[in-house]
Protein backbone atom coordinates (compact mmCIF):
# COMPACT_ATOMS: atom_id res chain seq x y z
CA UNK A 1 2.76 5.62 -18.40
CA UNK A 2 3.58 4.17 -15.00
CA UNK A 3 3.49 0.31 -14.95
CA UNK A 4 0.22 -1.12 -13.67
CA UNK A 5 2.00 -2.94 -10.85
CA UNK A 6 3.21 0.43 -9.57
CA UNK A 7 -0.30 1.84 -9.91
CA UNK A 8 -1.67 -1.06 -7.93
CA UNK A 9 0.82 -0.46 -5.14
CA UNK A 10 -0.15 3.22 -4.90
CA UNK A 11 -3.87 2.46 -4.92
CA UNK A 12 -3.52 -0.19 -2.24
CA UNK A 13 -1.61 2.22 -0.01
CA UNK A 14 -4.21 4.96 -0.50
CA UNK A 15 -7.32 2.86 -0.02
CA UNK A 16 -5.88 0.79 2.78
CA UNK A 17 -5.54 4.10 4.58
CA UNK A 18 -9.18 4.91 3.90
CA UNK A 19 -10.26 1.66 5.50
CA UNK A 20 -8.26 1.99 8.71
CA UNK A 21 -9.72 0.37 11.83
CA UNK A 22 -10.62 2.55 14.81
CA UNK A 23 -9.67 -0.12 17.33
CA UNK A 24 -6.26 -0.78 18.83
CA UNK A 25 -4.58 -3.71 17.15
CA UNK A 26 -1.43 -5.79 17.61
CA UNK A 27 1.94 -5.05 16.01
CA UNK A 28 1.56 -1.29 16.17
CA UNK A 29 5.27 -0.46 15.83
CA UNK A 30 7.97 -1.93 13.64
CA UNK A 31 8.79 -2.47 9.99
CA UNK A 32 11.10 -5.50 10.08
CA UNK A 33 10.07 -8.71 11.82
CA UNK A 34 11.90 -12.00 12.27
CA UNK A 35 9.73 -15.04 11.59
CA UNK A 36 10.97 -18.31 13.08
CA UNK A 37 9.96 -21.80 14.09
CA UNK A 38 12.05 -24.47 15.85
CA UNK A 39 14.30 -26.27 13.39
CA UNK A 40 13.84 -23.66 10.65
CA UNK A 41 16.29 -20.91 9.72
CA UNK A 42 15.00 -17.38 10.39
CA UNK A 43 13.16 -15.39 7.75
CA UNK A 44 12.06 -11.75 7.70
CA UNK A 45 8.91 -9.82 6.86
CA UNK A 46 9.40 -6.16 5.98
CA UNK A 47 6.74 -3.47 5.61
CA UNK A 48 7.23 -1.09 2.71
CA UNK A 49 5.71 2.15 1.53
CA UNK A 50 4.97 2.04 -2.18
CA UNK A 51 6.52 5.35 -3.17
CA UNK A 52 9.81 6.60 -4.58
CA UNK A 53 10.77 9.07 -1.84
CA UNK A 54 14.56 8.89 -1.19
CA UNK A 55 13.99 8.72 2.57
CA UNK A 56 11.91 5.58 2.13
CA UNK A 57 14.26 4.03 -0.42
CA UNK A 58 17.25 4.20 1.94
CA UNK A 59 17.40 0.87 3.74
CA UNK A 60 18.21 1.06 7.47
CA UNK A 61 21.18 -1.17 8.44
CA UNK A 62 19.07 -3.91 10.12
CA UNK A 63 16.90 -4.17 7.00
CA UNK A 64 19.87 -4.17 4.64
CA UNK A 65 21.54 -6.89 6.71
CA UNK A 66 18.45 -9.11 6.76
CA UNK A 67 17.99 -8.65 3.03
CA UNK A 68 21.66 -9.36 2.32
CA UNK A 69 21.71 -12.71 4.10
CA UNK A 70 18.45 -13.94 2.60
CA UNK A 71 18.34 -16.41 -0.26
CA UNK A 72 14.74 -15.85 -1.34
CA UNK A 73 13.00 -12.53 -1.90
CA UNK A 74 9.19 -12.51 -1.89
CA UNK A 75 7.03 -9.56 -2.89
CA UNK A 76 3.38 -8.93 -3.62
CA UNK A 77 3.50 -8.98 -7.41
CA UNK A 78 6.20 -9.16 -10.08
CA UNK A 79 6.77 -5.62 -11.45
CA UNK A 80 7.56 -6.76 -14.98
CA UNK A 81 6.29 -5.84 -18.43
CA UNK A 82 4.24 -9.02 -18.85
CA UNK A 83 2.23 -8.17 -15.73
CA UNK A 84 1.79 -4.56 -16.88
CA UNK A 85 0.59 -5.73 -20.30
CA UNK A 86 -1.93 -8.13 -18.79
CA UNK A 87 -3.32 -5.41 -16.53
CA UNK A 88 -3.58 -3.10 -19.53
CA UNK A 89 -5.53 -5.70 -21.50
CA UNK A 90 -7.88 -6.38 -18.59
CA UNK A 91 -8.53 -2.69 -17.94
CA UNK A 92 -10.72 -2.20 -21.01
CA UNK A 93 -14.50 -1.96 -20.83
CA UNK A 94 -16.31 -4.63 -22.85
CA UNK A 95 -19.37 -4.63 -25.09
CA UNK A 96 -19.01 -1.02 -26.12
CA UNK A 97 -19.03 0.35 -22.60
CA UNK A 98 -17.86 3.91 -22.03
CA UNK A 99 -16.57 5.41 -18.80
CA UNK A 100 -18.09 8.78 -19.73
CA UNK A 101 -21.53 7.14 -19.52
CA UNK A 102 -20.86 5.80 -16.03
CA UNK A 103 -19.49 8.91 -14.33
CA UNK A 104 -21.24 12.23 -13.93
CA UNK A 105 -20.25 14.75 -16.62
CA UNK A 106 -18.41 16.91 -14.08
CA UNK A 107 -16.48 13.98 -12.58
CA UNK A 108 -15.52 12.69 -16.01
CA UNK A 109 -14.37 16.15 -17.12
CA UNK A 110 -12.22 16.45 -13.98
CA UNK A 111 -10.75 13.00 -14.54
CA UNK A 112 -10.06 13.73 -18.19
CA UNK A 113 -8.30 16.99 -17.35
CA UNK A 114 -6.22 15.30 -14.68
CA UNK A 115 -5.08 12.36 -16.79
CA UNK A 116 -4.54 14.43 -19.93
CA UNK A 117 -1.61 15.93 -18.04
CA UNK A 118 -0.23 12.39 -17.86
CA UNK A 119 -0.62 11.84 -21.61
CA UNK A 120 -3.85 9.81 -21.57
CA UNK A 121 -6.11 10.61 -24.52
CA UNK A 122 -9.89 10.91 -24.31
CA UNK A 123 -10.31 7.75 -26.40
CA UNK A 124 -8.11 5.64 -24.12
CA UNK A 125 -9.67 7.03 -20.96
CA UNK A 126 -13.24 6.47 -22.15
CA UNK A 127 -12.59 2.74 -22.65
CA UNK A 128 -11.18 2.19 -19.15
CA UNK A 129 -13.02 0.26 -16.49
CA UNK A 130 -13.68 2.40 -13.41
CA UNK A 131 -11.13 0.49 -11.32
CA UNK A 132 -8.43 1.11 -13.93
CA UNK A 133 -9.25 4.82 -13.99
CA UNK A 134 -9.06 4.74 -10.19
CA UNK A 135 -5.56 3.28 -10.37
CA UNK A 136 -4.42 6.04 -12.69
CA UNK A 137 -6.15 8.88 -10.83
CA UNK A 138 -4.69 7.77 -7.49
CA UNK A 139 -1.16 7.34 -8.85
CA UNK A 140 -1.31 10.74 -10.54
CA UNK A 141 -1.32 12.40 -7.11
CA UNK A 142 2.10 10.93 -6.30
CA UNK A 143 5.35 11.45 -8.14
CA UNK A 144 6.55 8.50 -10.17
CA UNK A 145 9.85 6.71 -9.98
CA UNK A 146 11.13 3.45 -8.63
CA UNK A 147 9.26 2.46 -5.48
CA UNK A 148 10.88 0.65 -2.55
CA UNK A 149 9.31 -2.66 -3.60
CA UNK A 150 10.70 -2.35 -7.12
CA UNK A 151 14.08 -1.25 -5.78
CA UNK A 152 14.26 -4.38 -3.64
CA UNK A 153 13.15 -6.51 -6.59
CA UNK A 154 15.97 -5.10 -8.72
CA UNK A 155 18.48 -5.70 -5.93
CA UNK A 156 17.29 -9.26 -5.49
CA UNK A 157 17.64 -9.98 -9.20
CA UNK A 158 21.09 -8.42 -9.27
CA UNK A 159 22.13 -10.54 -6.26
CA UNK A 160 20.78 -13.67 -7.97
CA UNK A 161 18.29 -14.38 -5.21
CA UNK A 162 15.29 -16.60 -5.77
CA UNK A 163 12.32 -14.26 -6.39
CA UNK A 164 8.75 -15.26 -5.59
CA UNK A 165 5.44 -13.40 -5.73
CA UNK A 166 2.76 -13.79 -3.08
CA UNK A 167 -0.10 -12.81 -5.34
CA UNK A 168 -0.73 -13.13 -9.08
CA UNK A 169 -1.83 -10.80 -11.84
CA UNK A 170 -4.85 -12.94 -12.72
CA UNK A 171 -6.02 -12.96 -9.12
CA UNK A 172 -5.58 -9.20 -8.92
CA UNK A 173 -7.62 -8.67 -12.07
CA UNK A 174 -10.34 -11.00 -10.82
CA UNK A 175 -10.57 -9.14 -7.50
CA UNK A 176 -10.90 -5.75 -9.21
CA UNK A 177 -13.43 -7.05 -11.70
CA UNK A 178 -15.41 -8.56 -8.82
CA UNK A 179 -15.81 -5.18 -7.13
CA UNK A 180 -19.37 -3.96 -7.73
CA UNK A 181 -19.44 -1.26 -10.37
CA UNK A 182 -21.08 1.16 -7.93
CA UNK A 183 -18.18 0.62 -5.53
CA UNK A 184 -15.61 1.24 -8.25
CA UNK A 185 -17.36 4.47 -9.21
CA UNK A 186 -17.76 5.61 -5.60
CA UNK A 187 -14.06 5.05 -4.86
CA UNK A 188 -13.09 6.83 -8.06
CA UNK A 189 -15.26 9.81 -7.12
CA UNK A 190 -13.67 10.01 -3.66
CA UNK A 191 -10.19 9.77 -5.19
CA UNK A 192 -10.98 12.75 -7.40
CA UNK A 193 -12.38 14.72 -4.47
CA UNK A 194 -9.34 13.89 -2.34
CA UNK A 195 -6.74 14.33 -5.08
CA UNK A 196 -5.11 17.49 -3.73
CA UNK A 197 -5.35 16.34 -0.12
CA UNK A 198 -3.75 12.97 -0.93
CA UNK A 199 -0.70 14.70 -2.35
CA UNK A 200 -0.47 17.26 0.45
CA UNK A 201 -0.91 14.74 3.28
CA UNK A 202 1.62 12.25 1.94
CA UNK A 203 4.41 13.90 3.94
CA UNK A 204 2.71 13.10 7.25
CA UNK A 205 2.42 9.45 6.26
CA UNK A 206 6.08 9.31 5.21
CA UNK A 207 7.12 10.67 8.60
CA UNK A 208 4.96 8.11 10.42
CA UNK A 209 6.50 5.37 8.28
CA UNK A 210 10.02 6.56 9.08
CA UNK A 211 9.06 6.42 12.78
CA UNK A 212 8.02 2.81 12.10
CA UNK A 213 4.60 3.54 13.61
CA UNK A 214 2.01 1.39 11.89
CA UNK A 215 -0.76 2.51 14.23
CA UNK A 216 -0.03 6.16 13.48
CA UNK A 217 -0.12 5.45 9.76
CA UNK A 218 -3.64 4.12 10.16
CA UNK A 219 -4.68 7.03 12.38
CA UNK A 220 -3.38 9.59 9.91
CA UNK A 221 -5.12 7.81 7.08
CA UNK A 222 -8.45 7.81 8.85
CA UNK A 223 -8.85 11.50 8.04
CA UNK A 224 -9.30 10.44 4.41
CA UNK A 225 -12.30 8.25 5.17
CA UNK A 226 -15.71 9.18 3.85
CA UNK A 227 -18.30 10.45 6.28
CA UNK A 228 -21.49 8.96 4.88
CA UNK A 229 -22.72 5.46 5.57
CA UNK A 230 -22.70 4.76 1.84
CA UNK A 231 -19.05 5.75 1.48
CA UNK A 232 -18.13 3.61 4.47
CA UNK A 233 -19.96 0.68 2.92
CA UNK A 234 -17.90 0.93 -0.26
CA UNK A 235 -14.66 1.22 1.69
CA UNK A 236 -15.60 -1.89 3.67
CA UNK A 237 -16.12 -3.82 0.44
CA UNK A 238 -12.72 -2.72 -0.82
CA UNK A 239 -11.01 -3.52 2.48
CA UNK A 240 -12.46 -7.01 2.61
CA UNK A 241 -11.68 -7.99 -0.97
CA UNK A 242 -8.36 -6.29 -1.65
CA UNK A 243 -6.77 -5.77 1.76
CA UNK A 244 -7.95 -8.39 4.25
CA UNK A 245 -8.41 -11.24 1.79
CA UNK A 246 -5.05 -10.50 0.18
CA UNK A 247 -3.33 -10.47 3.58
CA UNK A 248 -4.74 -13.92 4.26
CA UNK A 249 -3.59 -15.17 0.86
CA UNK A 250 -0.11 -13.71 1.17
CA UNK A 251 0.38 -14.97 4.74
CA UNK A 252 -0.62 -18.47 3.62
CA UNK A 253 1.66 -18.50 0.58
CA UNK A 254 4.57 -16.96 2.43
CA UNK A 255 4.69 -19.95 4.73
CA UNK A 256 5.92 -22.17 1.90
CA UNK A 257 9.04 -20.00 1.74
CA UNK A 258 9.29 -19.58 5.51
CA UNK A 259 9.61 -23.34 5.89
CA UNK A 260 12.78 -23.20 3.78
CA UNK A 261 14.13 -20.32 5.85
CA UNK A 262 16.41 -17.51 4.69
CA UNK A 263 13.48 -15.62 3.10
CA UNK A 264 13.04 -11.85 3.01
CA UNK A 265 9.46 -10.81 2.18
CA UNK A 266 8.37 -7.24 1.45
CA UNK A 267 4.73 -6.14 1.47
CA UNK A 268 2.87 -2.88 2.06
CA UNK A 269 3.40 -1.91 5.71
CA UNK A 270 -0.28 -1.86 6.65
CA UNK A 271 -0.65 -5.48 5.54
CA UNK A 272 1.35 -6.21 8.71
CA UNK A 273 -0.87 -4.34 11.13
CA UNK A 274 -3.79 -5.47 13.23
CA UNK A 275 -5.75 -8.57 14.07
CA UNK A 276 -6.20 -9.37 10.37
CA UNK A 277 -2.65 -8.45 9.39
CA UNK A 278 -0.03 -10.89 8.19
CA UNK A 279 1.99 -10.86 11.43
CA UNK A 280 -0.99 -11.89 13.53
CA UNK A 281 -2.03 -14.51 10.96
CA UNK A 282 1.46 -16.02 10.98
CA UNK A 283 1.52 -16.00 14.76
CA UNK A 284 -1.84 -17.76 14.82
CA UNK A 285 -0.34 -20.45 12.58
CA UNK A 286 2.42 -21.17 15.08
CA UNK A 287 5.24 -18.95 13.87
CA UNK A 288 7.30 -16.95 16.33
CA UNK A 289 7.22 -13.27 15.43
CA UNK A 290 9.87 -10.90 16.82
CA UNK A 291 10.40 -7.24 16.00
CA UNK A 292 13.88 -6.47 14.68
CA UNK A 293 13.44 -2.84 13.52
């Protein structure tokens, strides 16, 4: 089974798309940004796409150069076995709860059929919390493999760089557990409804990413958004807790490493975008932000 850190990356990419803002926002173009302050060596913030497509995995020369001369590599979450094991432990329903009692019979049957193809038994599925099932259902629409974030992590380890995470597994678990159950179930239902479309529309998002167009990524993703007020309400809850709040946390923690300079940080590209994105937050805190690529 795909590691839970990889599942988290895929889910964040998918649902961040669902919650795209309709308003123009700053930092619409660019994947690599230089972050500086007088008296401090430059650092870099790079937007990734959490998939294993070879076109995404190939680092453009400016990105490879910035990564090569960095001393510290920062990413969202360590993609190691300890993190995966902790996510697995936290994904289980408590007090005899059953997922089949929470979902409609048709939705559960669809989910079971989908994940059986990935080797998940009925017994394991039925004990999953809705958010954990959502992770698996979302990731199932995308081919596995080593994502760009994990590829950079491996390179950083091989190059003996200092590696830091900007989030933590316990915080991630707490955020997911804090999502209202009705929101978890609503998002899971939408993921099942959009399963085929998510896979088919991925190519458009890859092309927008390769054009380094963050605004276009959000525009493309908006076609995935629900139409009802209730669906929009659940997306807003997700966006606030897992996207916006995490961007604030990561921007704050990144500054510890920025003050040392020579840092290369990699986060999901849409964490960079907009008035609540990391670039704007860093700029508000007095950092100079310049597009490199």
